[in-house]
All heavy atoms as atom14 arrays in JSON, in Angstrom:
{
  "sequence": "QGLSRQFQVQGIPAVKAFYQGKVAGEFTGALPEPQVRTFLEGLI",
  "atom14_mask": [
    [1, 1, 1, 1, 1, 1, 1, 1, 1, 0, 0, 0, 0, 0],
    [1, 1, 1, 1, 0, 0, 0, 0, 0, 0, 0, 0, 0, 0],
    [1, 1, 1, 1, 1, 1, 1, 1, 0, 0, 0, 0, 0, 0],
    [1, 1, 1, 1, 1, 1, 0, 0, 0, 0, 0, 0, 0, 0],
    [1, 1, 1, 1, 1, 1, 1, 1, 1, 1, 1, 0, 0, 0],
    [1, 1, 1, 1, 1, 1, 1, 1, 1, 0, 0, 0, 0, 0],
    [1, 1, 1, 1, 1, 1, 1, 1, 1, 1, 1, 0, 0, 0],
    [1, 1, 1, 1, 1, 1, 1, 1, 1, 0, 0, 0, 0, 0],
    [1, 1, 1, 1, 1, 1, 1, 0, 0, 0, 0, 0, 0, 0],
    [1, 1, 1, 1, 1, 1, 1, 1, 1, 0, 0, 0, 0, 0],
    [1, 1, 1, 1, 0, 0, 0, 0, 0, 0, 0, 0, 0, 0],
    [1, 1, 1, 1, 1, 1, 1, 1, 0, 0, 0, 0, 0, 0],
    [1, 1, 1, 1, 1, 1, 1, 0, 0, 0, 0, 0, 0, 0],
    [1, 1, 1, 1, 1, 0, 0, 0, 0, 0, 0, 0, 0, 0],
    [1, 1, 1, 1, 1, 1, 1, 0, 0, 0, 0, 0, 0, 0],
    [1, 1, 1, 1, 1, 1, 1, 1, 1, 0, 0, 0, 0, 0],
    [1, 1, 1, 1, 1, 0, 0, 0, 0, 0, 0, 0, 0, 0],
    [1, 1, 1, 1, 1, 1, 1, 1, 1, 1, 1, 0, 0, 0],
    [1, 1, 1, 1, 1, 1, 1, 1, 1, 1, 1, 1, 0, 0],
    [1, 1, 1, 1, 1, 1, 1, 1, 1, 0, 0, 0, 0, 0],
    [1, 1, 1, 1, 0, 0, 0, 0, 0, 0, 0, 0, 0, 0],
    [1, 1, 1, 1, 1, 1, 1, 1, 1, 0, 0, 0, 0, 0],
    [1, 1, 1, 1, 1, 1, 1, 0, 0, 0, 0, 0, 0, 0],
    [1, 1, 1, 1, 1, 0, 0, 0, 0, 0, 0, 0, 0, 0],
    [1, 1, 1, 1, 0, 0, 0, 0, 0, 0, 0, 0, 0, 0],
    [1, 1, 1, 1, 1, 1, 1, 1, 1, 0, 0, 0, 0, 0],
    [1, 1, 1, 1, 1, 1, 1, 1, 1, 1, 1, 0, 0, 0],
    [1, 1, 1, 1, 1, 1, 1, 0, 0, 0, 0, 0, 0, 0],
    [1, 1, 1, 1, 0, 0, 0, 0, 0, 0, 0, 0, 0, 0],
    [1, 1, 1, 1, 1, 0, 0, 0, 0, 0, 0, 0, 0, 0],
    [1, 1, 1, 1, 1, 1, 1, 1, 0, 0, 0, 0, 0, 0],
    [1, 1, 1, 1, 1, 1, 1, 0, 0, 0, 0, 0, 0, 0],
    [1, 1, 1, 1, 1, 1, 1, 1, 1, 0, 0, 0, 0, 0],
    [1, 1, 1, 1, 1, 1, 1, 0, 0, 0, 0, 0, 0, 0],
    [1, 1, 1, 1, 1, 1, 1, 1, 1, 0, 0, 0, 0, 0],
    [1, 1, 1, 1, 1, 1, 1, 0, 0, 0, 0, 0, 0, 0],
    [1, 1, 1, 1, 1, 1, 1, 1, 1, 1, 1, 0, 0, 0],
    [1, 1, 1, 1, 1, 1, 1, 0, 0, 0, 0, 0, 0, 0],
    [1, 1, 1, 1, 1, 1, 1, 1, 1, 1, 1, 0, 0, 0],
    [1, 1, 1, 1, 1, 1, 1, 1, 0, 0, 0, 0, 0, 0],
    [1, 1, 1, 1, 1, 1, 1, 1, 1, 0, 0, 0, 0, 0],
    [1, 1, 1, 1, 0, 0, 0, 0, 0, 0, 0, 0, 0, 0],
    [1, 1, 1, 1, 1, 1, 1, 1, 0, 0, 0, 0, 0, 0],
    [1, 1, 1, 1, 1, 1, 1, 1, 0, 0, 0, 0, 0, 0]
  ],
  "atom14_positions": [
    [[-52.74, 65.2, 73.71], [-51.26, 64.85, 73.62], [-50.74, 64.45, 74.95], [-49.77, 63.82, 75.2], [-50.52, 66.04, 73.07], [-50.79, 66.24, 71.64], [-50.08, 67.35, 70.96], [-48.97, 67.81, 71.43], [-50.51, 67.94, 69.89], [0.0, 0.0, 0.0], [0.0, 0.0, 0.0], [0.0, 0.0, 0.0], [0.0, 0.0, 0.0], [0.0, 0.0, 0.0]],
    [[-51.34, 64.99, 76.06], [-51.01, 64.67, 77.42], [-51.15, 63.24, 77.72], [-50.24, 62.6, 78.4], [0.0, 0.0, 0.0], [0.0, 0.0, 0.0], [0.0, 0.0, 0.0], [0.0, 0.0, 0.0], [0.0, 0.0, 0.0], [0.0, 0.0, 0.0], [0.0, 0.0, 0.0], [0.0, 0.0, 0.0], [0.0, 0.0, 0.0], [0.0, 0.0, 0.0]],
    [[-52.18, 62.62, 77.24], [-52.47, 61.2, 77.48], [-51.39, 60.33, 76.68], [-50.94, 59.31, 77.12], [-53.85, 60.7, 77.0], [-54.94, 61.26, 77.94], [-56.36, 60.85, 77.33], [-54.86, 60.64, 79.33], [0.0, 0.0, 0.0], [0.0, 0.0, 0.0], [0.0, 0.0, 0.0], [0.0, 0.0, 0.0], [0.0, 0.0, 0.0], [0.0, 0.0, 0.0]],
    [[-51.19, 60.86, 75.45], [-50.06, 60.12, 74.67], [-48.78, 60.11, 75.33], [-48.03, 59.05, 75.32], [-49.94, 60.85, 73.26], [-51.21, 60.84, 72.56], [0.0, 0.0, 0.0], [0.0, 0.0, 0.0], [0.0, 0.0, 0.0], [0.0, 0.0, 0.0], [0.0, 0.0, 0.0], [0.0, 0.0, 0.0], [0.0, 0.0, 0.0], [0.0, 0.0, 0.0]],
    [[-48.37, 61.26, 75.93], [-47.09, 61.27, 76.61], [-47.1, 60.41, 77.92], [-46.3, 59.67, 78.25], [-46.8, 62.64, 76.99], [-46.41, 63.6, 75.82], [-45.74, 64.92, 76.31], [-46.71, 65.7, 77.08], [-47.55, 66.59, 76.47], [-47.41, 66.69, 75.19], [-48.35, 67.3, 77.21], [0.0, 0.0, 0.0], [0.0, 0.0, 0.0], [0.0, 0.0, 0.0]],
    [[-48.28, 60.46, 78.61], [-48.44, 59.74, 79.86], [-48.3, 58.31, 79.71], [-47.69, 57.57, 80.47], [-49.8, 60.05, 80.47], [-50.05, 59.3, 81.81], [-51.44, 59.67, 82.36], [-52.08, 60.53, 81.92], [-51.86, 58.9, 83.43], [0.0, 0.0, 0.0], [0.0, 0.0, 0.0], [0.0, 0.0, 0.0], [0.0, 0.0, 0.0], [0.0, 0.0, 0.0]],
    [[-48.8, 57.74, 78.6], [-48.86, 56.27, 78.37], [-47.85, 55.82, 77.29], [-47.82, 54.76, 76.76], [-50.29, 55.84, 77.97], [-51.23, 55.87, 79.05], [-52.13, 56.87, 79.15], [-51.16, 55.04, 80.16], [-52.97, 57.06, 80.15], [-51.94, 55.13, 81.2], [-52.96, 56.23, 81.3], [0.0, 0.0, 0.0], [0.0, 0.0, 0.0], [0.0, 0.0, 0.0]],
    [[-46.83, 56.81, 76.95], [-45.75, 56.54, 76.1], [-46.16, 56.0, 74.82], [-45.61, 54.95, 74.42], [-44.74, 55.64, 76.89], [-44.2, 56.28, 78.15], [-43.26, 55.36, 78.97], [-43.27, 54.17, 78.77], [-42.46, 55.99, 79.79], [0.0, 0.0, 0.0], [0.0, 0.0, 0.0], [0.0, 0.0, 0.0], [0.0, 0.0, 0.0], [0.0, 0.0, 0.0]],
    [[-47.12, 56.63, 74.1], [-47.46, 56.22, 72.85], [-46.42, 56.67, 71.84], [-46.32, 57.81, 71.64], [-48.91, 56.72, 72.52], [-49.19, 56.38, 71.14], [-49.86, 56.2, 73.46], [0.0, 0.0, 0.0], [0.0, 0.0, 0.0], [0.0, 0.0, 0.0], [0.0, 0.0, 0.0], [0.0, 0.0, 0.0], [0.0, 0.0, 0.0], [0.0, 0.0, 0.0]],
    [[-45.8, 55.69, 71.23], [-44.65, 56.01, 70.29], [-45.15, 56.01, 68.87], [-44.71, 56.72, 68.0], [-43.58, 55.06, 70.39], [-42.92, 54.96, 71.84], [-42.28, 56.4, 72.21], [-41.61, 57.05, 71.42], [-42.4, 56.68, 73.44], [0.0, 0.0, 0.0], [0.0, 0.0, 0.0], [0.0, 0.0, 0.0], [0.0, 0.0, 0.0], [0.0, 0.0, 0.0]],
    [[-46.13, 55.16, 68.51], [-46.72, 55.08, 67.16], [-48.13, 54.74, 67.27], [-48.63, 54.22, 68.29], [0.0, 0.0, 0.0], [0.0, 0.0, 0.0], [0.0, 0.0, 0.0], [0.0, 0.0, 0.0], [0.0, 0.0, 0.0], [0.0, 0.0, 0.0], [0.0, 0.0, 0.0], [0.0, 0.0, 0.0], [0.0, 0.0, 0.0], [0.0, 0.0, 0.0]],
    [[-48.95, 55.04, 66.17], [-50.35, 54.76, 66.21], [-50.71, 54.01, 64.94], [-50.0, 54.08, 63.88], [-51.11, 56.05, 66.28], [-50.83, 57.06, 65.2], [-51.03, 56.68, 67.71], [-51.66, 58.3, 65.22], [0.0, 0.0, 0.0], [0.0, 0.0, 0.0], [0.0, 0.0, 0.0], [0.0, 0.0, 0.0], [0.0, 0.0, 0.0], [0.0, 0.0, 0.0]],
    [[-51.73, 53.17, 65.03], [-52.69, 53.01, 66.16], [-51.96, 52.3, 67.33], [-51.22, 51.3, 67.07], [-53.9, 52.14, 65.56], [-53.18, 51.43, 64.55], [-52.15, 52.43, 63.92], [0.0, 0.0, 0.0], [0.0, 0.0, 0.0], [0.0, 0.0, 0.0], [0.0, 0.0, 0.0], [0.0, 0.0, 0.0], [0.0, 0.0, 0.0], [0.0, 0.0, 0.0]],
    [[-52.26, 52.69, 68.57], [-51.74, 52.02, 69.71], [-52.95, 51.62, 70.54], [-53.8, 52.48, 70.81], [-50.79, 52.87, 70.51], [0.0, 0.0, 0.0], [0.0, 0.0, 0.0], [0.0, 0.0, 0.0], [0.0, 0.0, 0.0], [0.0, 0.0, 0.0], [0.0, 0.0, 0.0], [0.0, 0.0, 0.0], [0.0, 0.0, 0.0], [0.0, 0.0, 0.0]],
    [[-52.98, 50.42, 70.98], [-54.02, 49.86, 71.69], [-53.61, 49.46, 73.06], [-52.66, 48.7, 73.2], [-54.84, 48.66, 70.91], [-55.87, 48.03, 71.94], [-55.46, 49.13, 69.74], [0.0, 0.0, 0.0], [0.0, 0.0, 0.0], [0.0, 0.0, 0.0], [0.0, 0.0, 0.0], [0.0, 0.0, 0.0], [0.0, 0.0, 0.0], [0.0, 0.0, 0.0]],
    [[-54.21, 49.96, 74.02], [-53.89, 49.57, 75.48], [-55.17, 49.18, 76.22], [-56.06, 50.02, 76.31], [-53.17, 50.7, 76.25], [-51.79, 51.17, 75.6], [-51.16, 52.25, 76.3], [-49.82, 52.76, 75.63], [-48.8, 51.71, 75.69], [0.0, 0.0, 0.0], [0.0, 0.0, 0.0], [0.0, 0.0, 0.0], [0.0, 0.0, 0.0], [0.0, 0.0, 0.0]],
    [[-55.21, 48.03, 76.86], [-56.36, 47.48, 77.53], [-56.06, 47.82, 78.96], [-55.04, 47.34, 79.52], [-56.56, 46.04, 77.17], [0.0, 0.0, 0.0], [0.0, 0.0, 0.0], [0.0, 0.0, 0.0], [0.0, 0.0, 0.0], [0.0, 0.0, 0.0], [0.0, 0.0, 0.0], [0.0, 0.0, 0.0], [0.0, 0.0, 0.0], [0.0, 0.0, 0.0]],
    [[-57.18, 48.3, 79.73], [-57.01, 48.49, 81.14], [-57.98, 47.64, 81.81], [-59.15, 47.29, 81.43], [-57.34, 49.9, 81.35], [-56.33, 50.92, 80.93], [-56.23, 51.3, 79.63], [-55.39, 51.49, 81.82], [-55.3, 52.3, 79.24], [-54.5, 52.47, 81.5], [-54.43, 52.74, 80.16], [0.0, 0.0, 0.0], [0.0, 0.0, 0.0], [0.0, 0.0, 0.0]],
    [[-57.57, 46.99, 82.93], [-58.5, 46.26, 83.75], [-58.06, 46.52, 85.24], [-56.92, 46.4, 85.53], [-58.36, 44.71, 83.45], [-59.46, 43.94, 84.21], [-60.81, 44.3, 84.05], [-59.12, 42.85, 85.03], [-61.76, 43.55, 84.73], [-60.05, 42.18, 85.74], [-61.39, 42.46, 85.61], [-62.35, 41.8, 86.31], [0.0, 0.0, 0.0], [0.0, 0.0, 0.0]],
    [[-59.11, 46.85, 86.0], [-58.82, 47.16, 87.51], [-57.79, 48.31, 87.54], [-56.92, 48.22, 88.47], [-58.43, 45.91, 88.2], [-59.6, 44.89, 88.27], [-59.3, 43.65, 89.15], [-58.17, 43.35, 89.35], [-60.31, 42.94, 89.44], [0.0, 0.0, 0.0], [0.0, 0.0, 0.0], [0.0, 0.0, 0.0], [0.0, 0.0, 0.0], [0.0, 0.0, 0.0]],
    [[-57.96, 49.26, 86.64], [-57.13, 50.39, 86.78], [-55.71, 50.41, 86.27], [-54.95, 51.38, 86.25], [0.0, 0.0, 0.0], [0.0, 0.0, 0.0], [0.0, 0.0, 0.0], [0.0, 0.0, 0.0], [0.0, 0.0, 0.0], [0.0, 0.0, 0.0], [0.0, 0.0, 0.0], [0.0, 0.0, 0.0], [0.0, 0.0, 0.0], [0.0, 0.0, 0.0]],
    [[-55.27, 49.2, 85.7], [-53.94, 49.02, 85.22], [-53.93, 48.53, 83.81], [-54.92, 47.89, 83.35], [-53.18, 48.03, 86.12], [-53.12, 48.46, 87.55], [-52.49, 47.38, 88.4], [-52.29, 47.76, 89.9], [-51.71, 46.72, 90.76], [0.0, 0.0, 0.0], [0.0, 0.0, 0.0], [0.0, 0.0, 0.0], [0.0, 0.0, 0.0], [0.0, 0.0, 0.0]],
    [[-52.83, 48.74, 83.05], [-52.64, 48.26, 81.78], [-52.46, 46.75, 81.81], [-51.62, 46.11, 82.43], [-51.44, 48.81, 81.05], [-51.36, 48.18, 79.69], [-51.59, 50.35, 80.95], [0.0, 0.0, 0.0], [0.0, 0.0, 0.0], [0.0, 0.0, 0.0], [0.0, 0.0, 0.0], [0.0, 0.0, 0.0], [0.0, 0.0, 0.0], [0.0, 0.0, 0.0]],
    [[-53.48, 46.01, 81.09], [-53.48, 44.54, 81.13], [-53.02, 43.87, 79.86], [-52.79, 42.68, 79.86], [-54.85, 44.05, 81.49], [0.0, 0.0, 0.0], [0.0, 0.0, 0.0], [0.0, 0.0, 0.0], [0.0, 0.0, 0.0], [0.0, 0.0, 0.0], [0.0, 0.0, 0.0], [0.0, 0.0, 0.0], [0.0, 0.0, 0.0], [0.0, 0.0, 0.0]],
    [[-52.8, 44.72, 78.85], [-52.3, 44.3, 77.57], [-52.23, 45.37, 76.57], [-52.94, 46.47, 76.8], [0.0, 0.0, 0.0], [0.0, 0.0, 0.0], [0.0, 0.0, 0.0], [0.0, 0.0, 0.0], [0.0, 0.0, 0.0], [0.0, 0.0, 0.0], [0.0, 0.0, 0.0], [0.0, 0.0, 0.0], [0.0, 0.0, 0.0], [0.0, 0.0, 0.0]],
    [[-51.46, 45.24, 75.58], [-51.29, 46.25, 74.57], [-50.63, 45.74, 73.28], [-50.07, 44.65, 73.29], [-50.48, 47.39, 75.08], [-49.05, 47.09, 75.62], [-48.31, 48.08, 76.25], [-48.32, 49.33, 75.67], [-47.79, 47.96, 77.42], [0.0, 0.0, 0.0], [0.0, 0.0, 0.0], [0.0, 0.0, 0.0], [0.0, 0.0, 0.0], [0.0, 0.0, 0.0]],
    [[-50.9, 46.51, 72.19], [-50.3, 46.23, 70.9], [-50.25, 47.46, 70.12], [-51.06, 48.48, 70.33], [-51.0, 45.08, 70.05], [-52.3, 45.33, 69.66], [-52.53, 45.95, 68.4], [-53.48, 44.96, 70.38], [-53.82, 46.22, 67.94], [-54.68, 45.16, 69.85], [-54.89, 45.77, 68.64], [0.0, 0.0, 0.0], [0.0, 0.0, 0.0], [0.0, 0.0, 0.0]],
    [[-49.38, 47.48, 69.05], [-49.29, 48.64, 68.25], [-49.45, 48.25, 66.74], [-48.87, 47.08, 66.37], [-47.92, 49.33, 68.44], [-47.74, 49.75, 69.7], [-47.8, 50.56, 67.48], [0.0, 0.0, 0.0], [0.0, 0.0, 0.0], [0.0, 0.0, 0.0], [0.0, 0.0, 0.0], [0.0, 0.0, 0.0], [0.0, 0.0, 0.0], [0.0, 0.0, 0.0]],
    [[-50.15, 48.92, 66.01], [-50.3, 48.59, 64.59], [-51.71, 48.04, 64.27], [-52.43, 47.65, 65.15], [0.0, 0.0, 0.0], [0.0, 0.0, 0.0], [0.0, 0.0, 0.0], [0.0, 0.0, 0.0], [0.0, 0.0, 0.0], [0.0, 0.0, 0.0], [0.0, 0.0, 0.0], [0.0, 0.0, 0.0], [0.0, 0.0, 0.0], [0.0, 0.0, 0.0]],
    [[-52.05, 47.99, 62.96], [-53.32, 47.56, 62.52], [-53.28, 46.0, 62.39], [-53.08, 45.55, 61.23], [-53.72, 48.2, 61.29], [0.0, 0.0, 0.0], [0.0, 0.0, 0.0], [0.0, 0.0, 0.0], [0.0, 0.0, 0.0], [0.0, 0.0, 0.0], [0.0, 0.0, 0.0], [0.0, 0.0, 0.0], [0.0, 0.0, 0.0], [0.0, 0.0, 0.0]],
    [[-53.52, 45.29, 63.5], [-53.56, 43.76, 63.42], [-54.78, 43.37, 62.59], [-55.79, 43.94, 62.75], [-53.42, 43.2, 64.83], [-52.29, 43.53, 65.72], [-52.49, 42.8, 67.04], [-51.04, 43.14, 65.07], [0.0, 0.0, 0.0], [0.0, 0.0, 0.0], [0.0, 0.0, 0.0], [0.0, 0.0, 0.0], [0.0, 0.0, 0.0], [0.0, 0.0, 0.0]],
    [[-54.66, 42.29, 61.9], [-55.84, 41.63, 61.39], [-56.84, 41.15, 62.39], [-56.48, 40.94, 63.54], [-55.29, 40.37, 60.62], [-54.0, 40.04, 61.17], [-53.45, 41.41, 61.78], [0.0, 0.0, 0.0], [0.0, 0.0, 0.0], [0.0, 0.0, 0.0], [0.0, 0.0, 0.0], [0.0, 0.0, 0.0], [0.0, 0.0, 0.0], [0.0, 0.0, 0.0]],
    [[-58.09, 41.05, 62.05], [-59.11, 40.73, 63.07], [-58.95, 39.49, 63.81], [-59.18, 39.5, 65.06], [-60.52, 40.64, 62.23], [-61.67, 40.36, 63.21], [-63.01, 40.41, 62.47], [-63.28, 41.25, 61.54], [-63.8, 39.55, 62.81], [0.0, 0.0, 0.0], [0.0, 0.0, 0.0], [0.0, 0.0, 0.0], [0.0, 0.0, 0.0], [0.0, 0.0, 0.0]],
    [[-58.41, 38.36, 63.31], [-58.22, 37.19, 64.13], [-57.29, 37.44, 65.33], [-57.4, 36.94, 66.4], [-57.66, 36.19, 63.14], [-58.22, 36.53, 61.79], [-58.21, 38.06, 61.81], [0.0, 0.0, 0.0], [0.0, 0.0, 0.0], [0.0, 0.0, 0.0], [0.0, 0.0, 0.0], [0.0, 0.0, 0.0], [0.0, 0.0, 0.0], [0.0, 0.0, 0.0]],
    [[-56.18, 38.18, 65.07], [-55.27, 38.52, 66.09], [-55.87, 39.51, 67.12], [-55.61, 39.4, 68.25], [-53.99, 39.11, 65.48], [-53.07, 38.16, 64.8], [-51.91, 38.75, 64.27], [-51.72, 38.93, 63.06], [-51.0, 39.12, 65.14], [0.0, 0.0, 0.0], [0.0, 0.0, 0.0], [0.0, 0.0, 0.0], [0.0, 0.0, 0.0], [0.0, 0.0, 0.0]],
    [[-56.75, 40.43, 66.68], [-57.39, 41.26, 67.62], [-58.33, 40.42, 68.51], [-58.45, 40.64, 69.71], [-58.26, 42.45, 66.84], [-58.87, 43.26, 67.89], [-57.17, 43.27, 66.09], [0.0, 0.0, 0.0], [0.0, 0.0, 0.0], [0.0, 0.0, 0.0], [0.0, 0.0, 0.0], [0.0, 0.0, 0.0], [0.0, 0.0, 0.0], [0.0, 0.0, 0.0]],
    [[-59.01, 39.51, 67.84], [-59.9, 38.59, 68.69], [-59.15, 37.92, 69.75], [-59.6, 37.75, 70.91], [-60.66, 37.62, 67.77], [-61.74, 38.15, 66.94], [-62.44, 37.13, 66.19], [-63.59, 37.61, 65.4], [-64.79, 37.87, 65.78], [-65.05, 37.61, 67.09], [-65.71, 38.43, 65.07], [0.0, 0.0, 0.0], [0.0, 0.0, 0.0], [0.0, 0.0, 0.0]],
    [[-57.95, 37.3, 69.4], [-57.18, 36.58, 70.43], [-56.73, 37.49, 71.49], [-56.77, 37.14, 72.73], [-55.94, 35.99, 69.59], [-56.28, 35.18, 68.66], [-54.98, 35.29, 70.59], [0.0, 0.0, 0.0], [0.0, 0.0, 0.0], [0.0, 0.0, 0.0], [0.0, 0.0, 0.0], [0.0, 0.0, 0.0], [0.0, 0.0, 0.0], [0.0, 0.0, 0.0]],
    [[-56.38, 38.79, 71.16], [-56.02, 39.7, 72.15], [-57.18, 40.0, 73.11], [-56.99, 39.88, 74.33], [-55.61, 41.1, 71.44], [-55.37, 42.12, 72.42], [-54.11, 42.28, 73.13], [-56.24, 43.23, 72.6], [-53.91, 43.4, 74.03], [-56.03, 44.27, 73.37], [-54.82, 44.35, 74.13], [0.0, 0.0, 0.0], [0.0, 0.0, 0.0], [0.0, 0.0, 0.0]],
    [[-58.35, 40.13, 72.59], [-59.53, 40.46, 73.43], [-59.89, 39.28, 74.3], [-60.28, 39.47, 75.49], [-60.69, 40.84, 72.55], [-60.63, 42.12, 71.76], [-61.71, 42.32, 70.85], [-60.55, 43.34, 72.8], [0.0, 0.0, 0.0], [0.0, 0.0, 0.0], [0.0, 0.0, 0.0], [0.0, 0.0, 0.0], [0.0, 0.0, 0.0], [0.0, 0.0, 0.0]],
    [[-59.91, 38.06, 73.8], [-60.16, 36.88, 74.57], [-59.26, 36.72, 75.77], [-59.73, 36.08, 76.74], [-60.17, 35.62, 73.64], [-61.35, 35.62, 72.67], [-61.22, 34.61, 71.57], [-60.2, 33.91, 71.59], [-62.02, 34.58, 70.68], [0.0, 0.0, 0.0], [0.0, 0.0, 0.0], [0.0, 0.0, 0.0], [0.0, 0.0, 0.0], [0.0, 0.0, 0.0]],
    [[-58.08, 37.21, 75.68], [-57.14, 37.09, 76.84], [-57.44, 38.15, 77.95], [-56.99, 38.04, 79.07], [0.0, 0.0, 0.0], [0.0, 0.0, 0.0], [0.0, 0.0, 0.0], [0.0, 0.0, 0.0], [0.0, 0.0, 0.0], [0.0, 0.0, 0.0], [0.0, 0.0, 0.0], [0.0, 0.0, 0.0], [0.0, 0.0, 0.0], [0.0, 0.0, 0.0]],
    [[-58.42, 39.06, 77.58], [-58.68, 40.18, 78.56], [-60.09, 39.91, 79.24], [-60.19, 40.28, 80.33], [-58.73, 41.53, 77.87], [-57.46, 42.02, 77.18], [-57.8, 43.15, 76.33], [-56.52, 42.48, 78.28], [0.0, 0.0, 0.0], [0.0, 0.0, 0.0], [0.0, 0.0, 0.0], [0.0, 0.0, 0.0], [0.0, 0.0, 0.0], [0.0, 0.0, 0.0]],
    [[-60.95, 39.43, 78.49], [-62.39, 39.36, 78.92], [-62.5, 38.24, 79.98], [-62.12, 37.07, 79.76], [-63.32, 39.1, 77.78], [-63.25, 40.3, 76.77], [-64.78, 38.84, 78.18], [-63.96, 40.05, 75.55], [0.0, 0.0, 0.0], [0.0, 0.0, 0.0], [0.0, 0.0, 0.0], [0.0, 0.0, 0.0], [0.0, 0.0, 0.0], [0.0, 0.0, 0.0]]
  ]
}
């Protein structure tokens, strides 16, 4: 629960992507696979 408070998780599932120690992107809710792919392609 400490991590949830630290990163202000209000609802789940909550996805937060980290790169070089910082949050680089995030979304909340069960997105369909094509949208998840788009999210990942913006990070990699």
